[in-house]
């Protein structure tokens, strides 16, 4: 048994969890925050059999694509002097961890 922990952008989380559920996976969604932009993410917990891990990762990859966004940024040029300028960053995609489950019980 394996535990898949997938961190996806909140905009992609609905499509990812729906596709996983349709494929027969049980998914637990946790709202999380992190990364460079401190943007909203969703952490998905998926417990599954070893032989179904690759298919789950394939589904996650299909529904969580990276994209470019323009965000405001600031620069400081000395004491009290700052300016704002747009910055292009990559958002989306997924970070996936697969760990062994020593024991699983459903009570």
C-alpha atoms as a PDB file:
ATOM      1  CA  UNK A   1       0.000   0.000   0.000  1.00  0.00           C
ATOM      2  CA  UNK A   2       1.194   3.528  -0.808  1.00  0.00           C
ATOM      3  CA  UNK A   3       0.235   7.035   0.264  1.00  0.00           C
ATOM      4  CA  UNK A   4       0.388   9.646  -2.492  1.00  0.00           C
ATOM      5  CA  UNK A   5       0.668  13.211  -1.243  1.00  0.00           C
ATOM      6  CA  UNK A   6       0.078  15.622  -4.122  1.00  0.00           C
ATOM      7  CA  UNK A   7       0.315  19.391  -3.717  1.00  0.00           C
ATOM      8  CA  UNK A   8      -1.566  21.131  -6.536  1.00  0.00           C
ATOM      9  CA  UNK A   9      -2.654  24.684  -7.298  1.00  0.00           C
ATOM     10  CA  UNK A  10      -6.115  25.445  -5.911  1.00  0.00           C
ATOM     11  CA  UNK A  11      -7.329  26.269  -9.433  1.00  0.00           C
ATOM     12  CA  UNK A  12      -6.427  22.740 -10.591  1.00  0.00           C
ATOM     13  CA  UNK A  13      -7.592  20.889  -7.479  1.00  0.00           C
ATOM     14  CA  UNK A  14     -11.212  20.418  -8.543  1.00  0.00           C
ATOM     15  CA  UNK A  15     -10.298  18.847 -11.876  1.00  0.00           C
ATOM     16  CA  UNK A  16      -7.599  16.653 -10.308  1.00  0.00           C
ATOM     17  CA  UNK A  17      -9.770  15.345  -7.472  1.00  0.00           C
ATOM     18  CA  UNK A  18     -12.762  14.768  -9.788  1.00  0.00           C
ATOM     19  CA  UNK A  19     -10.649  12.781 -12.249  1.00  0.00           C
ATOM     20  CA  UNK A  20      -9.118  10.705  -9.458  1.00  0.00           C
ATOM     21  CA  UNK A  21     -12.540  10.004  -7.951  1.00  0.00           C
ATOM     22  CA  UNK A  22     -13.945   8.970 -11.349  1.00  0.00           C
ATOM     23  CA  UNK A  23     -11.014   6.559 -11.717  1.00  0.00           C
ATOM     24  CA  UNK A  24     -11.908   4.929  -8.387  1.00  0.00           C
ATOM     25  CA  UNK A  25      -9.402   6.582  -6.049  1.00  0.00           C
ATOM     26  CA  UNK A  26     -10.412   7.912  -2.661  1.00  0.00           C
ATOM     27  CA  UNK A  27      -9.122  11.434  -2.164  1.00  0.00           C
ATOM     28  CA  UNK A  28      -8.837  13.652   0.915  1.00  0.00           C
ATOM     29  CA  UNK A  29      -8.392  17.377   0.190  1.00  0.00           C
ATOM     30  CA  UNK A  30      -6.586  19.707   2.590  1.00  0.00           C
ATOM     31  CA  UNK A  31      -6.335  23.463   1.917  1.00  0.00           C
ATOM     32  CA  UNK A  32      -2.701  24.582   2.208  1.00  0.00           C
ATOM     33  CA  UNK A  33      -0.591  27.653   1.551  1.00  0.00           C
ATOM     34  CA  UNK A  34       3.013  27.882   0.498  1.00  0.00           C
ATOM     35  CA  UNK A  35       5.569  28.519  -2.153  1.00  0.00           C
ATOM     36  CA  UNK A  36       7.171  31.685  -3.410  1.00  0.00           C
ATOM     37  CA  UNK A  37       3.869  33.558  -3.749  1.00  0.00           C
ATOM     38  CA  UNK A  38       2.289  32.121  -0.584  1.00  0.00           C
ATOM     39  CA  UNK A  39      -0.551  31.207  -2.901  1.00  0.00           C
ATOM     40  CA  UNK A  40      -3.394  28.825  -2.213  1.00  0.00           C
ATOM     41  CA  UNK A  41      -2.701  25.179  -2.806  1.00  0.00           C
ATOM     42  CA  UNK A  42      -4.547  21.987  -2.072  1.00  0.00           C
ATOM     43  CA  UNK A  43      -2.810  18.936  -0.676  1.00  0.00           C
ATOM     44  CA  UNK A  44      -4.414  15.694  -1.813  1.00  0.00           C
ATOM     45  CA  UNK A  45      -3.942  12.506   0.183  1.00  0.00           C
ATOM     46  CA  UNK A  46      -4.537   9.339  -1.824  1.00  0.00           C
ATOM     47  CA  UNK A  47      -4.104   5.877  -0.344  1.00  0.00           C
ATOM     48  CA  UNK A  48      -3.832   3.169  -2.994  1.00  0.00           C
ATOM     49  CA  UNK A  49      -2.375  -0.193  -3.916  1.00  0.00           C
ATOM     50  CA  UNK A  50       1.173  -0.270  -5.248  1.00  0.00           C
ATOM     51  CA  UNK A  51       0.148  -1.159  -8.796  1.00  0.00           C
ATOM     52  CA  UNK A  52      -2.214   1.852  -9.068  1.00  0.00           C
ATOM     53  CA  UNK A  53       0.354   4.532  -8.182  1.00  0.00           C
ATOM     54  CA  UNK A  54       1.560   5.211 -11.740  1.00  0.00           C
ATOM     55  CA  UNK A  55      -1.998   5.660 -13.021  1.00  0.00           C
ATOM     56  CA  UNK A  56      -2.788   8.114 -10.216  1.00  0.00           C
ATOM     57  CA  UNK A  57       0.325  10.158 -11.009  1.00  0.00           C
ATOM     58  CA  UNK A  58      -0.661  10.153 -14.682  1.00  0.00           C
ATOM     59  CA  UNK A  59      -4.126  11.518 -13.797  1.00  0.00           C
ATOM     60  CA  UNK A  60      -2.627  14.211 -11.548  1.00  0.00           C
ATOM     61  CA  UNK A  61      -0.208  15.241 -14.318  1.00  0.00           C
ATOM     62  CA  UNK A  62      -2.977  15.467 -16.928  1.00  0.00           C
ATOM     63  CA  UNK A  63      -5.052  17.847 -14.808  1.00  0.00           C
ATOM     64  CA  UNK A  64      -2.444  20.100 -13.167  1.00  0.00           C
ATOM     65  CA  UNK A  65      -0.554  22.041 -15.799  1.00  0.00           C
ATOM     66  CA  UNK A  66       2.040  24.734 -15.247  1.00  0.00           C
ATOM     67  CA  UNK A  67       1.268  28.213 -16.573  1.00  0.00           C
ATOM     68  CA  UNK A  68       2.775  31.698 -16.454  1.00  0.00           C
ATOM     69  CA  UNK A  69       1.175  34.522 -14.467  1.00  0.00           C
ATOM     70  CA  UNK A  70       2.120  38.150 -13.989  1.00  0.00           C
ATOM     71  CA  UNK A  71       2.241  39.238 -10.337  1.00  0.00           C
ATOM     72  CA  UNK A  72       3.132  42.574  -8.779  1.00  0.00           C
ATOM     73  CA  UNK A  73       6.551  42.820  -7.164  1.00  0.00           C
ATOM     74  CA  UNK A  74       8.429  45.582  -5.387  1.00  0.00           C
ATOM     75  CA  UNK A  75      12.043  46.653  -5.338  1.00  0.00           C
ATOM     76  CA  UNK A  76      13.762  48.851  -2.799  1.00  0.00           C
ATOM     77  CA  UNK A  77      16.295  51.450  -3.958  1.00  0.00           C
ATOM     78  CA  UNK A  78      17.282  52.804  -0.567  1.00  0.00           C
ATOM     79  CA  UNK A  79      15.683  54.126   2.554  1.00  0.00           C
ATOM     80  CA  UNK A  80      12.019  54.803   1.839  1.00  0.00           C
ATOM     81  CA  UNK A  81      12.338  54.459  -1.956  1.00  0.00           C
ATOM     82  CA  UNK A  82      10.453  51.534  -3.510  1.00  0.00           C
ATOM     83  CA  UNK A  83       8.905  50.839  -6.866  1.00  0.00           C
ATOM     84  CA  UNK A  84       6.431  48.275  -8.144  1.00  0.00           C
ATOM     85  CA  UNK A  85       7.010  46.265 -11.304  1.00  0.00           C
ATOM     86  CA  UNK A  86       5.347  43.185 -12.806  1.00  0.00           C
ATOM     87  CA  UNK A  87       7.075  39.825 -12.468  1.00  0.00           C
ATOM     88  CA  UNK A  88       6.320  36.728 -14.548  1.00  0.00           C
ATOM     89  CA  UNK A  89       6.220  33.519 -12.492  1.00  0.00           C
ATOM     90  CA  UNK A  90       5.345  29.891 -13.180  1.00  0.00           C
ATOM     91  CA  UNK A  91       2.394  28.542 -11.202  1.00  0.00           C
ATOM     92  CA  UNK A  92       0.493  25.277 -11.262  1.00  0.00           C
ATOM     93  CA  UNK A  93       1.816  21.823 -11.796  1.00  0.00           C
ATOM     94  CA  UNK A  94       2.059  19.387  -8.921  1.00  0.00           C
ATOM     95  CA  UNK A  95       4.542  18.235  -6.336  1.00  0.00           C
ATOM     96  CA  UNK A  96       4.033  14.540  -5.608  1.00  0.00           C
ATOM     97  CA  UNK A  97       5.398  12.352  -2.830  1.00  0.00           C
ATOM     98  CA  UNK A  98       4.839   8.586  -2.711  1.00  0.00           C
ATOM     99  CA  UNK A  99       5.465   6.876   0.622  1.00  0.00           C
ATOM    100  CA  UNK A 100       5.093   3.334   1.890  1.00  0.00           C
ATOM    101  CA  UNK A 101       2.212   2.639   4.252  1.00  0.00           C
ATOM    102  CA  UNK A 102       3.200   0.246   6.986  1.00  0.00           C
ATOM    103  CA  UNK A 103      -0.303  -0.256   8.294  1.00  0.00           C
ATOM    104  CA  UNK A 104      -3.767   0.706   7.055  1.00  0.00           C
ATOM    105  CA  UNK A 105      -7.034   0.319   8.918  1.00  0.00           C
ATOM    106  CA  UNK A 106     -10.481   1.597   8.145  1.00  0.00           C
ATOM    107  CA  UNK A 107     -12.656   1.677  11.281  1.00  0.00           C
END
